Amino acid sequence: VNHVTCALCDTVCTSVSSLKAHIRFRHCDDRPFHCHLCDSGFKNAYDLHKHVETHSDSDAYSCDVEGCGFTSRTLQTLRQHYKRA
């Protein structure tokens, strides 16, 4: 098994392609995926997609605990609510 160590930190990757991904996400500030609704930029399409959900006017996710009433625009926020509450 080949291991490649990042020259910018001590992270060890199992391939050159995973090292390139590591460097792009951990050490580069390039954010080529831009939100069409605000000035935010993201490193990948998934993060942009999750961000765009926050612009929605509707609260698509709600807590199913009786009497709570918590709602959110993203599933991630609802999951954070469950962990805290």
C-alpha atoms as a PDB file:
ATOM      1  CA  VAL A   1       0.000   0.000   0.000  1.00  0.00           C
ATOM      2  CA  ASN A   2       1.347   3.398  -0.986  1.00  0.00           C
ATOM      3  CA  HIS A   3       1.001   6.238   1.456  1.00  0.00           C
ATOM      4  CA  VAL A   4       1.482   9.859   0.477  1.00  0.00           C
ATOM      5  CA  THR A   5       2.077  12.516   3.128  1.00  0.00           C
ATOM      6  CA  CYS A   6       0.803  16.049   2.696  1.00  0.00           C
ATOM      7  CA  ALA A   7       3.641  18.579   2.499  1.00  0.00           C
ATOM      8  CA  LEU A   8       1.478  21.190   4.265  1.00  0.00           C
ATOM      9  CA  CYS A   9       0.498  19.119   7.295  1.00  0.00           C
ATOM     10  CA  ASP A  10       0.971  15.629   8.706  1.00  0.00           C
ATOM     11  CA  THR A  11      -2.018  14.019   6.977  1.00  0.00           C
ATOM     12  CA  VAL A  12      -1.249  10.712   5.255  1.00  0.00           C
ATOM     13  CA  CYS A  13      -3.335   9.749   2.214  1.00  0.00           C
ATOM     14  CA  THR A  14      -3.600   6.395   0.505  1.00  0.00           C
ATOM     15  CA  SER A  15      -3.316   7.757  -3.043  1.00  0.00           C
ATOM     16  CA  VAL A  16      -2.214  10.795  -4.994  1.00  0.00           C
ATOM     17  CA  SER A  17      -5.832  11.555  -5.943  1.00  0.00           C
ATOM     18  CA  SER A  18      -6.955  11.545  -2.312  1.00  0.00           C
ATOM     19  CA  LEU A  19      -3.979  13.787  -1.462  1.00  0.00           C
ATOM     20  CA  LYS A  20      -5.080  16.250  -4.163  1.00  0.00           C
ATOM     21  CA  ALA A  21      -8.611  16.258  -2.743  1.00  0.00           C
ATOM     22  CA  HIS A  22      -7.221  16.765   0.767  1.00  0.00           C
ATOM     23  CA  ILE A  23      -5.136  19.742  -0.348  1.00  0.00           C
ATOM     24  CA  ARG A  24      -8.051  21.292  -2.231  1.00  0.00           C
ATOM     25  CA  PHE A  25     -10.473  21.010   0.702  1.00  0.00           C
ATOM     26  CA  ARG A  26      -8.113  21.677   3.612  1.00  0.00           C
ATOM     27  CA  HIS A  27      -5.479  24.042   2.298  1.00  0.00           C
ATOM     28  CA  CYS A  28      -7.020  26.000  -0.603  1.00  0.00           C
ATOM     29  CA  ASP A  29      -9.422  28.903  -0.298  1.00  0.00           C
ATOM     30  CA  ASP A  30     -10.823  28.507  -3.824  1.00  0.00           C
ATOM     31  CA  ARG A  31     -14.648  28.366  -3.734  1.00  0.00           C
ATOM     32  CA  PRO A  32     -15.793  27.928  -7.354  1.00  0.00           C
ATOM     33  CA  PHE A  33     -19.444  27.058  -6.546  1.00  0.00           C
ATOM     34  CA  HIS A  34     -21.370  30.314  -6.044  1.00  0.00           C
ATOM     35  CA  CYS A  35     -24.866  30.841  -4.694  1.00  0.00           C
ATOM     36  CA  HIS A  36     -27.153  32.618  -7.171  1.00  0.00           C
ATOM     37  CA  LEU A  37     -29.122  34.159  -4.278  1.00  0.00           C
ATOM     38  CA  CYS A  38     -26.280  35.695  -2.240  1.00  0.00           C
ATOM     39  CA  ASP A  39     -22.519  36.220  -2.333  1.00  0.00           C
ATOM     40  CA  SER A  40     -21.582  32.906  -0.686  1.00  0.00           C
ATOM     41  CA  GLY A  41     -19.127  30.544  -2.358  1.00  0.00           C
ATOM     42  CA  PHE A  42     -18.437  26.855  -1.695  1.00  0.00           C
ATOM     43  CA  LYS A  43     -15.744  24.295  -2.394  1.00  0.00           C
ATOM     44  CA  ASN A  44     -18.145  21.680  -3.795  1.00  0.00           C
ATOM     45  CA  ALA A  45     -21.612  21.335  -5.306  1.00  0.00           C
ATOM     46  CA  TYR A  46     -23.045  19.455  -2.324  1.00  0.00           C
ATOM     47  CA  ASP A  47     -22.207  22.274   0.115  1.00  0.00           C
ATOM     48  CA  LEU A  48     -23.741  24.790  -2.299  1.00  0.00           C
ATOM     49  CA  HIS A  49     -26.898  22.680  -2.564  1.00  0.00           C
ATOM     50  CA  LYS A  50     -27.248  22.479   1.226  1.00  0.00           C
ATOM     51  CA  HIS A  51     -26.711  26.243   1.471  1.00  0.00           C
ATOM     52  CA  VAL A  52     -29.378  27.057  -1.126  1.00  0.00           C
ATOM     53  CA  GLU A  53     -31.898  25.223   1.064  1.00  0.00           C
ATOM     54  CA  THR A  54     -31.384  27.918   3.715  1.00  0.00           C
ATOM     55  CA  HIS A  55     -32.874  30.506   1.350  1.00  0.00           C
ATOM     56  CA  SER A  56     -36.211  28.680   1.231  1.00  0.00           C
ATOM     57  CA  ASP A  57     -39.166  30.521   2.782  1.00  0.00           C
ATOM     58  CA  SER A  58     -40.776  27.315   3.978  1.00  0.00           C
ATOM     59  CA  ASP A  59     -39.764  25.269   6.986  1.00  0.00           C
ATOM     60  CA  ALA A  60     -39.584  21.828   5.408  1.00  0.00           C
ATOM     61  CA  TYR A  61     -38.393  19.973   8.517  1.00  0.00           C
ATOM     62  CA  SER A  62     -40.054  19.888  11.920  1.00  0.00           C
ATOM     63  CA  CYS A  63     -39.356  18.162  15.219  1.00  0.00           C
ATOM     64  CA  ASP A  64     -41.703  15.255  15.870  1.00  0.00           C
ATOM     65  CA  VAL A  65     -41.437  15.492  19.668  1.00  0.00           C
ATOM     66  CA  GLU A  66     -44.851  16.410  21.028  1.00  0.00           C
ATOM     67  CA  GLY A  67     -45.060  20.034  22.097  1.00  0.00           C
ATOM     68  CA  CYS A  68     -41.656  21.052  20.697  1.00  0.00           C
ATOM     69  CA  GLY A  69     -42.647  23.079  17.639  1.00  0.00           C
ATOM     70  CA  PHE A  70     -39.074  23.402  16.323  1.00  0.00           C
ATOM     71  CA  THR A  71     -38.861  23.817  12.535  1.00  0.00           C
ATOM     72  CA  SER A  72     -35.936  24.309  10.185  1.00  0.00           C
ATOM     73  CA  ARG A  73     -35.185  24.800   6.543  1.00  0.00           C
ATOM     74  CA  THR A  74     -32.556  22.052   6.390  1.00  0.00           C
ATOM     75  CA  LEU A  75     -32.327  18.465   7.545  1.00  0.00           C
ATOM     76  CA  GLN A  76     -28.882  19.151   8.987  1.00  0.00           C
ATOM     77  CA  THR A  77     -30.283  21.827  11.321  1.00  0.00           C
ATOM     78  CA  LEU A  78     -33.046  19.473  12.445  1.00  0.00           C
ATOM     79  CA  ARG A  79     -30.470  16.770  13.209  1.00  0.00           C
ATOM     80  CA  GLN A  80     -28.442  19.275  15.247  1.00  0.00           C
ATOM     81  CA  HIS A  81     -31.637  20.140  17.148  1.00  0.00           C
ATOM     82  CA  TYR A  82     -32.215  16.458  17.986  1.00  0.00           C
ATOM     83  CA  LYS A  83     -28.657  16.134  19.300  1.00  0.00           C
ATOM     84  CA  ARG A  84     -28.997  19.221  21.520  1.00  0.00           C
ATOM     85  CA  ALA A  85     -32.551  18.644  22.780  1.00  0.00           C
END
